[in-house]
Amino acid sequence: MHSGAERPPSGLPPELAAALRTGPFHEALRTAIAVRGLALSRLRHRLGQRGVRIGVTTLSYWQQGLRRPARAESLRALPALEEVLEVPPGSLVALLQTDRSGGAPAARPYRALMESPEPLNEMLADLGSSAEAGVHTVCQIDRITVGARRELLGRQSQHLLRAHRDGVDRYLAIYVGDPGCEVERVRVRETENCRAGYVRSDGGTGIVVAELLFDGRLRAGETRLISYRFEDGTAGESREYIRGFSYSGGQYVLQVGFDPAELPARCHRFARRAVGGPDTGRTELLLSGRYPTVHLAEQQVESGQLGIDWEWA
């Protein structure tokens, strides 16, 4: 979860570094307390030595997510709490700021990441939801395959999801085909820990929205690992793949694989803060492997777009 605070140093225990990176606040706090081996009474005592008075019951509620620091005196106590728990200054404060809706990272509507948002809005409304309502992605891996005719064959995705409210029972997966995509021929295949429900599509924009149902309902803070794929191959020449992120934070890997018989001349990764905005962080990527691929990896994604484009010889 991007926070604006410094990245947790590599010297932190891995589980604590991960919790500070992805949140939510109560899980990061609970992990830090456990890693430091502090009983809540001892933590209260150390805070008291720094002039901060916080009760054991309050600390317990905070680490369980039953309450959150909201009053002025509670917010003023957070820097001392970070000091006692030996976490980077501002790391818990930043999680609290980005985690305003009971564990949900700060977000902007997914439609803000689309060139033509109206069809997406209609499909989401038809499914009775907004994109990723009640759940956000902690870690995501997308594998794109481009065929011998330079066509986008499809996308295979794996997500580690975390619910930020109780009762979440599905994830809405969004796919955007290349110009000319025949959406009625695009297929959705669930491969792990989910099953396909309703699917909606729009031929004019090449957008497909698939409902992926969980076996049970998640409680706030619980996670689910799912994987699925979209099978395409219906459009013409593919030149880029862009992934939009409404939430900041989490890890992301995008790999694009090409048919050995038809390879691009060069590939680049790029980021954009907004649709149609300038590219940032543009870097050339080198093909590698028996079945040639390029990839990008982001430890903490920003709200906006990430992608890879390529030029054909």
C-alpha atoms as a PDB file:
ATOM      1  CA  MET A   1       0.000   0.000   0.000  1.00  0.00           C
ATOM      2  CA  HIS A   2       1.599   3.216  -1.081  1.00  0.00           C
ATOM      3  CA  SER A   3       1.710   5.634   1.769  1.00  0.00           C
ATOM      4  CA  GLY A   4       4.143   8.415   1.056  1.00  0.00           C
ATOM      5  CA  ALA A   5       6.236   7.227   4.005  1.00  0.00           C
ATOM      6  CA  GLU A   6       9.686   5.820   3.530  1.00  0.00           C
ATOM      7  CA  ARG A   7       9.791   2.212   2.444  1.00  0.00           C
ATOM      8  CA  PRO A   8      10.313  -0.208   5.328  1.00  0.00           C
ATOM      9  CA  PRO A   9      14.048  -0.941   5.575  1.00  0.00           C
ATOM     10  CA  SER A  10      15.337  -4.323   4.538  1.00  0.00           C
ATOM     11  CA  GLY A  11      16.444  -4.950   8.149  1.00  0.00           C
ATOM     12  CA  LEU A  12      12.836  -5.416   9.268  1.00  0.00           C
ATOM     13  CA  PRO A  13      11.565  -8.986   9.679  1.00  0.00           C
ATOM     14  CA  PRO A  14       9.883  -9.990   6.399  1.00  0.00           C
ATOM     15  CA  GLU A  15       6.428 -10.414   7.921  1.00  0.00           C
ATOM     16  CA  LEU A  16       6.588  -6.957   9.493  1.00  0.00           C
ATOM     17  CA  ALA A  17       7.902  -5.327   6.315  1.00  0.00           C
ATOM     18  CA  ALA A  18       5.055  -6.951   4.341  1.00  0.00           C
ATOM     19  CA  ALA A  19       2.415  -5.833   6.860  1.00  0.00           C
ATOM     20  CA  LEU A  20       3.691  -2.240   6.787  1.00  0.00           C
ATOM     21  CA  ARG A  21       3.674  -2.311   3.008  1.00  0.00           C
ATOM     22  CA  THR A  22       0.179  -3.692   2.460  1.00  0.00           C
ATOM     23  CA  GLY A  23      -1.733  -2.907   5.670  1.00  0.00           C
ATOM     24  CA  PRO A  24      -4.394  -2.540   6.865  1.00  0.00           C
ATOM     25  CA  PHE A  25      -3.450  -0.532   9.962  1.00  0.00           C
ATOM     26  CA  HIS A  26      -4.660  -3.036  12.564  1.00  0.00           C
ATOM     27  CA  GLU A  27      -2.827  -5.969  10.957  1.00  0.00           C
ATOM     28  CA  ALA A  28       0.410  -3.985  10.724  1.00  0.00           C
ATOM     29  CA  LEU A  29       0.065  -2.948  14.364  1.00  0.00           C
ATOM     30  CA  ARG A  30      -0.693  -6.497  15.494  1.00  0.00           C
ATOM     31  CA  THR A  31       2.268  -7.854  13.533  1.00  0.00           C
ATOM     32  CA  ALA A  32       4.637  -5.228  14.939  1.00  0.00           C
ATOM     33  CA  ILE A  33       3.557  -5.974  18.519  1.00  0.00           C
ATOM     34  CA  ALA A  34       4.002  -9.718  17.972  1.00  0.00           C
ATOM     35  CA  VAL A  35       7.392  -9.353  16.275  1.00  0.00           C
ATOM     36  CA  ARG A  36       8.696  -7.156  19.083  1.00  0.00           C
ATOM     37  CA  GLY A  37       7.411  -9.645  21.663  1.00  0.00           C
ATOM     38  CA  LEU A  38       5.616  -7.023  23.726  1.00  0.00           C
ATOM     39  CA  ALA A  39       2.677  -7.751  25.999  1.00  0.00           C
ATOM     40  CA  LEU A  40       0.111  -4.971  25.783  1.00  0.00           C
ATOM     41  CA  SER A  41       0.769  -4.014  29.397  1.00  0.00           C
ATOM     42  CA  ARG A  42       4.469  -3.632  28.609  1.00  0.00           C
ATOM     43  CA  LEU A  43       3.679  -1.605  25.503  1.00  0.00           C
ATOM     44  CA  ARG A  44       1.451   0.678  27.576  1.00  0.00           C
ATOM     45  CA  HIS A  45       4.290   1.123  30.110  1.00  0.00           C
ATOM     46  CA  ARG A  46       6.822   2.095  27.431  1.00  0.00           C
ATOM     47  CA  LEU A  47       4.390   4.578  25.929  1.00  0.00           C
ATOM     48  CA  GLY A  48       3.855   6.023  29.400  1.00  0.00           C
ATOM     49  CA  GLN A  49       7.601   6.591  29.717  1.00  0.00           C
ATOM     50  CA  ARG A  50       7.257   8.844  26.664  1.00  0.00           C
ATOM     51  CA  GLY A  51       4.377  10.787  28.176  1.00  0.00           C
ATOM     52  CA  VAL A  52       1.681   8.944  26.233  1.00  0.00           C
ATOM     53  CA  ARG A  53      -1.264   7.450  28.126  1.00  0.00           C
ATOM     54  CA  ILE A  54      -3.050   4.693  26.208  1.00  0.00           C
ATOM     55  CA  GLY A  55      -4.958   1.912  27.965  1.00  0.00           C
ATOM     56  CA  VAL A  56      -4.456  -1.794  27.346  1.00  0.00           C
ATOM     57  CA  THR A  57      -8.071  -2.136  26.232  1.00  0.00           C
ATOM     58  CA  THR A  58      -7.629   0.607  23.635  1.00  0.00           C
ATOM     59  CA  LEU A  59      -4.440  -0.993  22.302  1.00  0.00           C
ATOM     60  CA  SER A  60      -6.241  -4.330  22.098  1.00  0.00           C
ATOM     61  CA  TYR A  61      -9.128  -2.784  20.168  1.00  0.00           C
ATOM     62  CA  TRP A  62      -6.690  -1.089  17.770  1.00  0.00           C
ATOM     63  CA  GLN A  63      -4.805  -4.279  16.922  1.00  0.00           C
ATOM     64  CA  GLN A  64      -8.047  -6.211  16.402  1.00  0.00           C
ATOM     65  CA  GLY A  65      -9.505  -3.561  14.101  1.00  0.00           C
ATOM     66  CA  LEU A  66     -12.451  -3.006  16.442  1.00  0.00           C
ATOM     67  CA  ARG A  67     -11.514   0.649  16.875  1.00  0.00           C
ATOM     68  CA  ARG A  68      -9.129   3.024  15.141  1.00  0.00           C
ATOM     69  CA  PRO A  69      -7.125   6.007  16.422  1.00  0.00           C
ATOM     70  CA  ALA A  70      -9.345   8.975  15.625  1.00  0.00           C
ATOM     71  CA  ARG A  71      -9.273  11.427  18.535  1.00  0.00           C
ATOM     72  CA  ALA A  72      -6.548  14.071  18.629  1.00  0.00           C
ATOM     73  CA  GLU A  73      -4.752  12.554  21.624  1.00  0.00           C
ATOM     74  CA  SER A  74      -4.754   9.123  19.965  1.00  0.00           C
ATOM     75  CA  LEU A  75      -3.280  10.499  16.756  1.00  0.00           C
ATOM     76  CA  ARG A  76      -0.585  12.322  18.720  1.00  0.00           C
ATOM     77  CA  ALA A  77       0.357   8.989  20.328  1.00  0.00           C
ATOM     78  CA  LEU A  78       1.170   7.281  17.034  1.00  0.00           C
ATOM     79  CA  PRO A  79       4.739   8.627  16.615  1.00  0.00           C
ATOM     80  CA  ALA A  80       5.594   7.295  20.087  1.00  0.00           C
ATOM     81  CA  LEU A  81       3.977   3.969  19.187  1.00  0.00           C
ATOM     82  CA  GLU A  82       6.124   3.771  16.041  1.00  0.00           C
ATOM     83  CA  GLU A  83       9.228   4.516  18.108  1.00  0.00           C
ATOM     84  CA  VAL A  84       8.504   1.823  20.685  1.00  0.00           C
ATOM     85  CA  LEU A  85       7.706  -0.756  17.985  1.00  0.00           C
ATOM     86  CA  GLU A  86      10.842   0.211  16.005  1.00  0.00           C
ATOM     87  CA  VAL A  87       9.060   0.788  12.716  1.00  0.00           C
ATOM     88  CA  PRO A  88       9.891   3.595  10.249  1.00  0.00           C
ATOM     89  CA  PRO A  89       8.596   7.025  11.326  1.00  0.00           C
ATOM     90  CA  GLY A  90       5.252   7.731   9.686  1.00  0.00           C
ATOM     91  CA  SER A  91       4.604   4.145   8.563  1.00  0.00           C
ATOM     92  CA  LEU A  92       1.652   3.449  10.876  1.00  0.00           C
ATOM     93  CA  VAL A  93       0.341   6.987  10.475  1.00  0.00           C
ATOM     94  CA  ALA A  94       0.359   6.607   6.698  1.00  0.00           C
ATOM     95  CA  LEU A  95      -1.507   3.286   6.862  1.00  0.00           C
ATOM     96  CA  LEU A  96      -4.157   4.905   9.008  1.00  0.00           C
ATOM     97  CA  GLN A  97      -4.541   7.727   6.477  1.00  0.00           C
ATOM     98  CA  THR A  98      -4.866   5.406   3.473  1.00  0.00           C
ATOM     99  CA  ASP A  99      -7.051   2.903   5.288  1.00  0.00           C
ATOM    100  CA  ARG A 100     -10.010   5.149   5.948  1.00  0.00           C
ATOM    101  CA  SER A 101     -12.858   2.741   5.213  1.00  0.00           C
ATOM    102  CA  GLY A 102     -12.218   0.006   7.727  1.00  0.00           C
ATOM    103  CA  GLY A 103      -9.108  -1.363   6.020  1.00  0.00           C
ATOM    104  CA  ALA A 104      -9.687  -0.186   2.470  1.00  0.00           C
ATOM    105  CA  PRO A 105      -6.770   1.615   0.860  1.00  0.00           C
ATOM    106  CA  ALA A 106      -7.474   4.988  -0.686  1.00  0.00           C
ATOM    107  CA  ALA A 107      -9.035   4.552  -4.097  1.00  0.00           C
ATOM    108  CA  ARG A 108     -10.428   6.394  -7.069  1.00  0.00           C
ATOM    109  CA  PRO A 109     -13.134   4.987  -9.347  1.00  0.00           C
ATOM    110  CA  TYR A 110     -11.865   2.425 -11.838  1.00  0.00           C
ATOM    111  CA  ARG A 111     -13.788   4.260 -14.553  1.00  0.00           C
ATOM    112  CA  ALA A 112     -11.269   7.123 -14.151  1.00  0.00           C
ATOM    113  CA  LEU A 113      -8.703   4.761 -15.664  1.00  0.00           C
ATOM    114  CA  MET A 114     -10.754   4.081 -18.807  1.00  0.00           C
ATOM    115  CA  GLU A 115     -10.892   6.076 -22.028  1.00  0.00           C
ATOM    116  CA  SER A 116     -14.599   5.230 -22.388  1.00  0.00           C
ATOM    117  CA  PRO A 117     -16.028   4.736 -18.880  1.00  0.00           C
ATOM    118  CA  GLU A 118     -19.754   4.774 -19.680  1.00  0.00           C
ATOM    119  CA  PRO A 119     -20.026   1.154 -20.918  1.00  0.00           C
ATOM    120  CA  LEU A 120     -18.075  -0.042 -17.880  1.00  0.00           C
ATOM    121  CA  ASN A 121     -20.362   1.922 -15.569  1.00  0.00           C
ATOM    122  CA  GLU A 122     -23.395   0.285 -17.159  1.00  0.00           C
ATOM    123  CA  MET A 123     -21.949  -3.227 -16.850  1.00  0.00           C
ATOM    124  CA  LEU A 124     -20.993  -2.688 -13.209  1.00  0.00           C
ATOM    125  CA  ALA A 125     -24.444  -1.316 -12.452  1.00  0.00           C
ATOM    126  CA  ASP A 126     -25.988  -4.337 -14.165  1.00  0.00           C
ATOM    127  CA  LEU A 127     -23.923  -6.571 -11.886  1.00  0.00           C
ATOM    128  CA  GLY A 128     -24.998  -4.520  -8.892  1.00  0.00           C
ATOM    129  CA  SER A 129     -21.539  -3.455  -7.867  1.00  0.00           C
ATOM    130  CA  SER A 130     -18.544  -1.230  -8.423  1.00  0.00           C
ATOM    131  CA  ALA A 131     -15.163  -2.605  -9.456  1.00  0.00           C
ATOM    132  CA  GLU A 132     -13.515  -4.592  -6.633  1.00  0.00           C
ATOM    133  CA  ALA A 133     -16.186  -3.454  -4.130  1.00  0.00           C
ATOM    134  CA  GLY A 134     -15.224  -4.595  -0.659  1.00  0.00           C
ATOM    135  CA  VAL A 135     -11.954  -6.192  -1.667  1.00  0.00           C
ATOM    136  CA  HIS A 136      -8.532  -4.959  -2.756  1.00  0.00           C
ATOM    137  CA  THR A 137      -5.492  -6.655  -4.253  1.00  0.00           C
ATOM    138  CA  VAL A 138      -2.416  -7.235  -2.100  1.00  0.00           C
ATOM    139  CA  CYS A 139      -0.410  -9.007  -4.807  1.00  0.00           C
ATOM    140  CA  GLN A 140      -1.205  -9.586  -8.475  1.00  0.00           C
ATOM    141  CA  ILE A 141       0.514 -11.417 -11.343  1.00  0.00           C
ATOM    142  CA  ASP A 142      -0.667 -11.036 -14.954  1.00  0.00           C
ATOM    143  CA  ARG A 143       0.712 -13.155 -17.787  1.00  0.00           C
ATOM    144  CA  ILE A 144      -0.101 -11.918 -21.295  1.00  0.00           C
ATOM    145  CA  THR A 145       0.396 -14.134 -24.349  1.00  0.00           C
ATOM    146  CA  VAL A 146       0.850 -12.781 -27.893  1.00  0.00           C
ATOM    147  CA  GLY A 147       0.510 -15.215 -30.785  1.00  0.00           C
ATOM    148  CA  ALA A 148       2.232 -15.847 -34.092  1.00  0.00           C
ATOM    149  CA  ARG A 149      -0.194 -13.494 -35.859  1.00  0.00           C
ATOM    150  CA  ARG A 150       0.779 -10.756 -33.395  1.00  0.00           C
ATOM    151  CA  GLU A 151      -2.644 -11.130 -31.763  1.00  0.00           C
ATOM    152  CA  LEU A 152      -3.400 -10.937 -28.043  1.00  0.00           C
ATOM    153  CA  LEU A 153      -4.260 -14.519 -27.117  1.00  0.00           C
ATOM    154  CA  GLY A 154      -5.345 -13.699 -23.605  1.00  0.00           C
ATOM    155  CA  ARG A 155      -4.439 -12.968 -19.995  1.00  0.00           C
ATOM    156  CA  GLN A 156      -3.838 -15.314 -17.089  1.00  0.00           C
ATOM    157  CA  SER A 157      -4.133 -13.645 -13.682  1.00  0.00           C
ATOM    158  CA  GLN A 158      -3.481 -14.521 -10.076  1.00  0.00           C
ATOM    159  CA  HIS A 159      -4.578 -12.267  -7.185  1.00  0.00           C
ATOM    160  CA  LEU A 160      -4.078 -12.305  -3.467  1.00  0.00           C
ATOM    161  CA  LEU A 161      -7.169 -10.416  -2.316  1.00  0.00           C
ATOM    162  CA  ARG A 162      -7.972  -8.909   1.073  1.00  0.00           C
ATOM    163  CA  ALA A 163     -11.504  -7.984   2.128  1.00  0.00           C
ATOM    164  CA  HIS A 164     -11.934  -4.570   3.738  1.00  0.00           C
ATOM    165  CA  ARG A 165     -15.508  -5.214   4.865  1.00  0.00           C
ATOM    166  CA  ASP A 166     -17.477  -8.243   5.999  1.00  0.00           C
ATOM    167  CA  GLY A 167     -19.531 -10.372   3.643  1.00  0.00           C
ATOM    168  CA  VAL A 168     -17.472 -10.123   0.429  1.00  0.00           C
ATOM    169  CA  ASP A 169     -18.213 -13.117  -1.797  1.00  0.00           C
ATOM    170  CA  ARG A 170     -16.930 -12.161  -5.243  1.00  0.00           C
ATOM    171  CA  TYR A 171     -14.367 -10.289  -7.306  1.00  0.00           C
ATOM    172  CA  LEU A 172     -15.115  -8.484 -10.563  1.00  0.00           C
ATOM    173  CA  ALA A 173     -12.394  -9.061 -13.160  1.00  0.00           C
ATOM    174  CA  ILE A 174     -12.095  -6.536 -15.997  1.00  0.00           C
ATOM    175  CA  TYR A 175     -10.525  -7.323 -19.365  1.00  0.00           C
ATOM    176  CA  VAL A 176     -10.019  -4.897 -22.252  1.00  0.00           C
ATOM    177  CA  GLY A 177      -9.325  -6.450 -25.642  1.00  0.00           C
ATOM    178  CA  ASP A 178      -7.460  -4.804 -28.500  1.00  0.00           C
ATOM    179  CA  PRO A 179      -9.371  -2.861 -31.195  1.00  0.00           C
ATOM    180  CA  GLY A 180     -11.481  -5.300 -33.179  1.00  0.00           C
ATOM    181  CA  CYS A 181     -11.867  -7.717 -30.279  1.00  0.00           C
ATOM    182  CA  GLU A 182     -14.958  -9.900 -30.670  1.00  0.00           C
ATOM    183  CA  VAL A 183     -16.130  -9.845 -27.071  1.00  0.00           C
ATOM    184  CA  GLU A 184     -18.748 -12.533 -27.611  1.00  0.00           C
ATOM    185  CA  ARG A 185     -15.923 -14.978 -28.355  1.00  0.00           C
ATOM    186  CA  VAL A 186     -13.807 -14.085 -25.323  1.00  0.00           C
ATOM    187  CA  ARG A 187     -13.973 -16.847 -22.713  1.00  0.00           C
ATOM    188  CA  VAL A 188     -13.440 -16.683 -18.947  1.00  0.00           C
ATOM    189  CA  ARG A 189     -11.892 -19.713 -17.240  1.00  0.00           C
ATOM    190  CA  GLU A 190     -11.583 -19.951 -13.482  1.00  0.00           C
ATOM    191  CA  THR A 191      -8.553 -21.965 -12.368  1.00  0.00           C
ATOM    192  CA  GLU A 192      -8.269 -21.628  -8.581  1.00  0.00           C
ATOM    193  CA  ASN A 193     -10.513 -20.795  -5.605  1.00  0.00           C
ATOM    194  CA  CYS A 194     -13.316 -19.145  -7.579  1.00  0.00           C
ATOM    195  CA  ARG A 195     -15.993 -19.914 -10.138  1.00  0.00           C
ATOM    196  CA  ALA A 196     -17.292 -17.793 -12.972  1.00  0.00           C
ATOM    197  CA  GLY A 197     -20.685 -16.165 -12.515  1.00  0.00           C
ATOM    198  CA  TYR A 198     -22.279 -13.531 -14.715  1.00  0.00           C
ATOM    199  CA  VAL A 199     -20.258 -12.053 -17.578  1.00  0.00           C
ATOM    200  CA  ARG A 200     -21.007  -8.734 -19.266  1.00  0.00           C
ATOM    201  CA  SER A 201     -19.298  -7.241 -22.334  1.00  0.00           C
ATOM    202  CA  ASP A 202     -19.353  -4.266 -24.686  1.00  0.00           C
ATOM    203  CA  GLY A 203     -18.348  -4.737 -28.308  1.00  0.00           C
ATOM    204  CA  GLY A 204     -17.631  -1.074 -28.953  1.00  0.00           C
ATOM    205  CA  THR A 205     -14.911  -0.830 -26.319  1.00  0.00           C
ATOM    206  CA  GLY A 206     -13.773  -4.462 -26.107  1.00  0.00           C
ATOM    207  CA  ILE A 207     -14.478  -4.528 -22.359  1.00  0.00           C
ATOM    208  CA  VAL A 208     -15.433  -7.778 -20.633  1.00  0.00           C
ATOM    209  CA  VAL A 209     -16.416  -7.889 -16.941  1.00  0.00           C
ATOM    210  CA  ALA A 210     -16.544 -11.286 -15.264  1.00  0.00           C
ATOM    211  CA  GLU A 211     -17.989 -12.070 -11.857  1.00  0.00           C
ATOM    212  CA  LEU A 212     -15.754 -14.518  -9.978  1.00  0.00           C
ATOM    213  CA  LEU A 213     -17.540 -16.076  -7.019  1.00  0.00           C
ATOM    214  CA  PHE A 214     -15.877 -17.334  -3.836  1.00  0.00           C
ATOM    215  CA  ASP A 215     -16.947 -20.517  -2.037  1.00  0.00           C
ATOM    216  CA  GLY A 216     -17.835 -18.509   1.071  1.00  0.00           C
ATOM    217  CA  ARG A 217     -18.035 -14.971   2.381  1.00  0.00           C
ATOM    218  CA  LEU A 218     -14.901 -13.217   3.574  1.00  0.00           C
ATOM    219  CA  ARG A 219     -14.722 -11.237   6.782  1.00  0.00           C
ATOM    220  CA  ALA A 220     -12.890  -7.916   6.915  1.00  0.00           C
ATOM    221  CA  GLY A 221      -9.137  -8.578   6.886  1.00  0.00           C
ATOM    222  CA  GLU A 222      -9.404 -12.112   5.476  1.00  0.00           C
ATOM    223  CA  THR A 223      -7.559 -13.005   2.272  1.00  0.00           C
ATOM    224  CA  ARG A 224      -8.281 -15.213  -0.726  1.00  0.00           C
ATOM    225  CA  LEU A 225      -5.905 -16.388  -3.468  1.00  0.00           C
ATOM    226  CA  ILE A 226      -7.665 -16.756  -6.819  1.00  0.00           C
ATOM    227  CA  SER A 227      -6.567 -17.345 -10.384  1.00  0.00           C
ATOM    228  CA  TYR A 228      -8.404 -17.186 -13.688  1.00  0.00           C
ATOM    229  CA  ARG A 229      -7.817 -16.411 -17.361  1.00  0.00           C
ATOM    230  CA  PHE A 230      -9.415 -14.629 -20.283  1.00  0.00           C
ATOM    231  CA  GLU A 231      -9.050 -16.413 -23.633  1.00  0.00           C
ATOM    232  CA  ASP A 232      -9.115 -14.089 -26.638  1.00  0.00           C
ATOM    233  CA  GLY A 233      -7.191 -14.161 -29.927  1.00  0.00           C
ATOM    234  CA  THR A 234      -9.988 -12.409 -31.832  1.00  0.00           C
ATOM    235  CA  ALA A 235      -8.439  -9.003 -32.599  1.00  0.00           C
ATOM    236  CA  GLY A 236      -5.716  -7.776 -34.906  1.00  0.00           C
ATOM    237  CA  GLU A 237      -2.142  -6.740 -34.228  1.00  0.00           C
ATOM    238  CA  SER A 238      -1.412  -6.111 -30.562  1.00  0.00           C
ATOM    239  CA  ARG A 239       1.025  -3.370 -29.565  1.00  0.00           C
ATOM    240  CA  GLU A 240       0.640  -2.868 -25.814  1.00  0.00           C
ATOM    241  CA  TYR A 241      -0.928  -4.102 -22.622  1.00  0.00           C
ATOM    242  CA  ILE A 242      -2.026  -1.638 -19.933  1.00  0.00           C
ATOM    243  CA  ARG A 243      -3.310  -2.434 -16.456  1.00  0.00           C
ATOM    244  CA  GLY A 244      -5.265   0.133 -14.443  1.00  0.00           C
ATOM    245  CA  PHE A 245      -5.113   0.394 -10.649  1.00  0.00           C
ATOM    246  CA  SER A 246      -7.813   2.176  -8.702  1.00  0.00           C
ATOM    247  CA  TYR A 247      -6.052   1.378  -5.411  1.00  0.00           C
ATOM    248  CA  SER A 248      -2.516   2.356  -4.513  1.00  0.00           C
ATOM    249  CA  GLY A 249      -0.357  -0.259  -2.867  1.00  0.00           C
ATOM    250  CA  GLY A 250       0.395  -3.921  -3.173  1.00  0.00           C
ATOM    251  CA  GLN A 251       2.731  -5.721  -5.510  1.00  0.00           C
ATOM    252  CA  TYR A 252       2.284  -6.230  -9.236  1.00  0.00           C
ATOM    253  CA  VAL A 253       4.028  -8.311 -11.885  1.00  0.00           C
ATOM    254  CA  LEU A 254       3.189  -8.098 -15.592  1.00  0.00           C
ATOM    255  CA  GLN A 255       4.766 -10.559 -18.025  1.00  0.00           C
ATOM    256  CA  VAL A 256       4.256 -10.521 -21.789  1.00  0.00           C
ATOM    257  CA  GLY A 257       5.214 -13.621 -23.744  1.00  0.00           C
ATOM    258  CA  PHE A 258       5.660 -13.835 -27.522  1.00  0.00           C
ATOM    259  CA  ASP A 259       5.603 -16.635 -30.050  1.00  0.00           C
ATOM    260  CA  PRO A 260       9.237 -17.464 -30.997  1.00  0.00           C
ATOM    261  CA  ALA A 261       8.265 -17.245 -34.673  1.00  0.00           C
ATOM    262  CA  GLU A 262       7.187 -13.595 -34.398  1.00  0.00           C
ATOM    263  CA  LEU A 263       9.164 -11.379 -32.039  1.00  0.00           C
ATOM    264  CA  PRO A 264       8.979  -7.612 -31.543  1.00  0.00           C
ATOM    265  CA  ALA A 265      11.932  -5.376 -32.340  1.00  0.00           C
ATOM    266  CA  ARG A 266      11.871  -3.740 -28.883  1.00  0.00           C
ATOM    267  CA  CYS A 267       9.752  -3.503 -25.732  1.00  0.00           C
ATOM    268  CA  HIS A 268       9.312  -0.825 -23.064  1.00  0.00           C
ATOM    269  CA  ARG A 269       7.630  -0.541 -19.674  1.00  0.00           C
ATOM    270  CA  PHE A 270       5.847   2.668 -18.713  1.00  0.00           C
ATOM    271  CA  ALA A 271       3.530   4.204 -16.144  1.00  0.00           C
ATOM    272  CA  ARG A 272       0.819   6.846 -16.411  1.00  0.00           C
ATOM    273  CA  ARG A 273      -0.906   8.731 -13.637  1.00  0.00           C
ATOM    274  CA  ALA A 274      -3.982   9.338 -15.788  1.00  0.00           C
ATOM    275  CA  VAL A 275      -5.542   8.174 -19.045  1.00  0.00           C
ATOM    276  CA  GLY A 276      -3.870   9.980 -21.931  1.00  0.00           C
ATOM    277  CA  GLY A 277      -1.218  11.422 -19.631  1.00  0.00           C
ATOM    278  CA  PRO A 278       2.515  11.364 -20.320  1.00  0.00           C
ATOM    279  CA  ASP A 279       4.547   8.209 -19.824  1.00  0.00           C
ATOM    280  CA  THR A 280       6.811   8.122 -16.792  1.00  0.00           C
ATOM    281  CA  GLY A 281       9.578   5.700 -15.924  1.00  0.00           C
ATOM    282  CA  ARG A 282       9.826   4.541 -19.520  1.00  0.00           C
ATOM    283  CA  THR A 283      12.477   1.804 -19.696  1.00  0.00           C
ATOM    284  CA  GLU A 284      13.503  -0.643 -22.400  1.00  0.00           C
ATOM    285  CA  LEU A 285      12.965  -4.325 -21.592  1.00  0.00           C
ATOM    286  CA  LEU A 286      15.023  -7.142 -23.091  1.00  0.00           C
ATOM    287  CA  LEU A 287      13.468 -10.394 -24.276  1.00  0.00           C
ATOM    288  CA  SER A 288      14.728 -13.526 -22.568  1.00  0.00           C
ATOM    289  CA  GLY A 289      13.944 -17.210 -22.245  1.00  0.00           C
ATOM    290  CA  ARG A 290      13.263 -20.148 -24.521  1.00  0.00           C
ATOM    291  CA  TYR A 291       9.737 -18.818 -24.980  1.00  0.00           C
ATOM    292  CA  PRO A 292      10.658 -15.127 -25.120  1.00  0.00           C
ATOM    293  CA  THR A 293       9.136 -12.889 -22.455  1.00  0.00           C
ATOM    294  CA  VAL A 294       9.562  -9.454 -20.901  1.00  0.00           C
ATOM    295  CA  HIS A 295       8.205  -8.348 -17.558  1.00  0.00           C
ATOM    296  CA  LEU A 296       7.894  -5.516 -15.069  1.00  0.00           C
ATOM    297  CA  ALA A 297       7.689  -5.825 -11.291  1.00  0.00           C
ATOM    298  CA  GLU A 298       6.434  -3.154  -8.897  1.00  0.00           C
ATOM    299  CA  GLN A 299       6.799  -3.444  -5.128  1.00  0.00           C
ATOM    300  CA  GLN A 300       4.250  -0.704  -4.433  1.00  0.00           C
ATOM    301  CA  VAL A 301       1.957   0.310  -7.274  1.00  0.00           C
ATOM    302  CA  GLU A 302       0.528   3.808  -7.590  1.00  0.00           C
ATOM    303  CA  SER A 303      -3.063   4.517  -8.502  1.00  0.00           C
ATOM    304  CA  GLY A 304      -2.996   4.915 -12.283  1.00  0.00           C
ATOM    305  CA  GLN A 305      -1.768   2.756 -15.155  1.00  0.00           C
ATOM    306  CA  LEU A 306       1.181   0.410 -15.690  1.00  0.00           C
ATOM    307  CA  GLY A 307       1.986  -1.232 -18.967  1.00  0.00           C
ATOM    308  CA  ILE A 308       4.340  -2.707 -21.514  1.00  0.00           C
ATOM    309  CA  ASP A 309       4.353  -1.776 -25.190  1.00  0.00           C
ATOM    310  CA  TRP A 310       6.301  -3.210 -28.091  1.00  0.00           C
ATOM    311  CA  GLU A 311       7.277  -2.363 -31.670  1.00  0.00           C
ATOM    312  CA  TRP A 312       7.099  -4.885 -34.454  1.00  0.00           C
ATOM    313  CA  ALA A 313       9.941  -5.106 -36.934  1.00  0.00           C
END
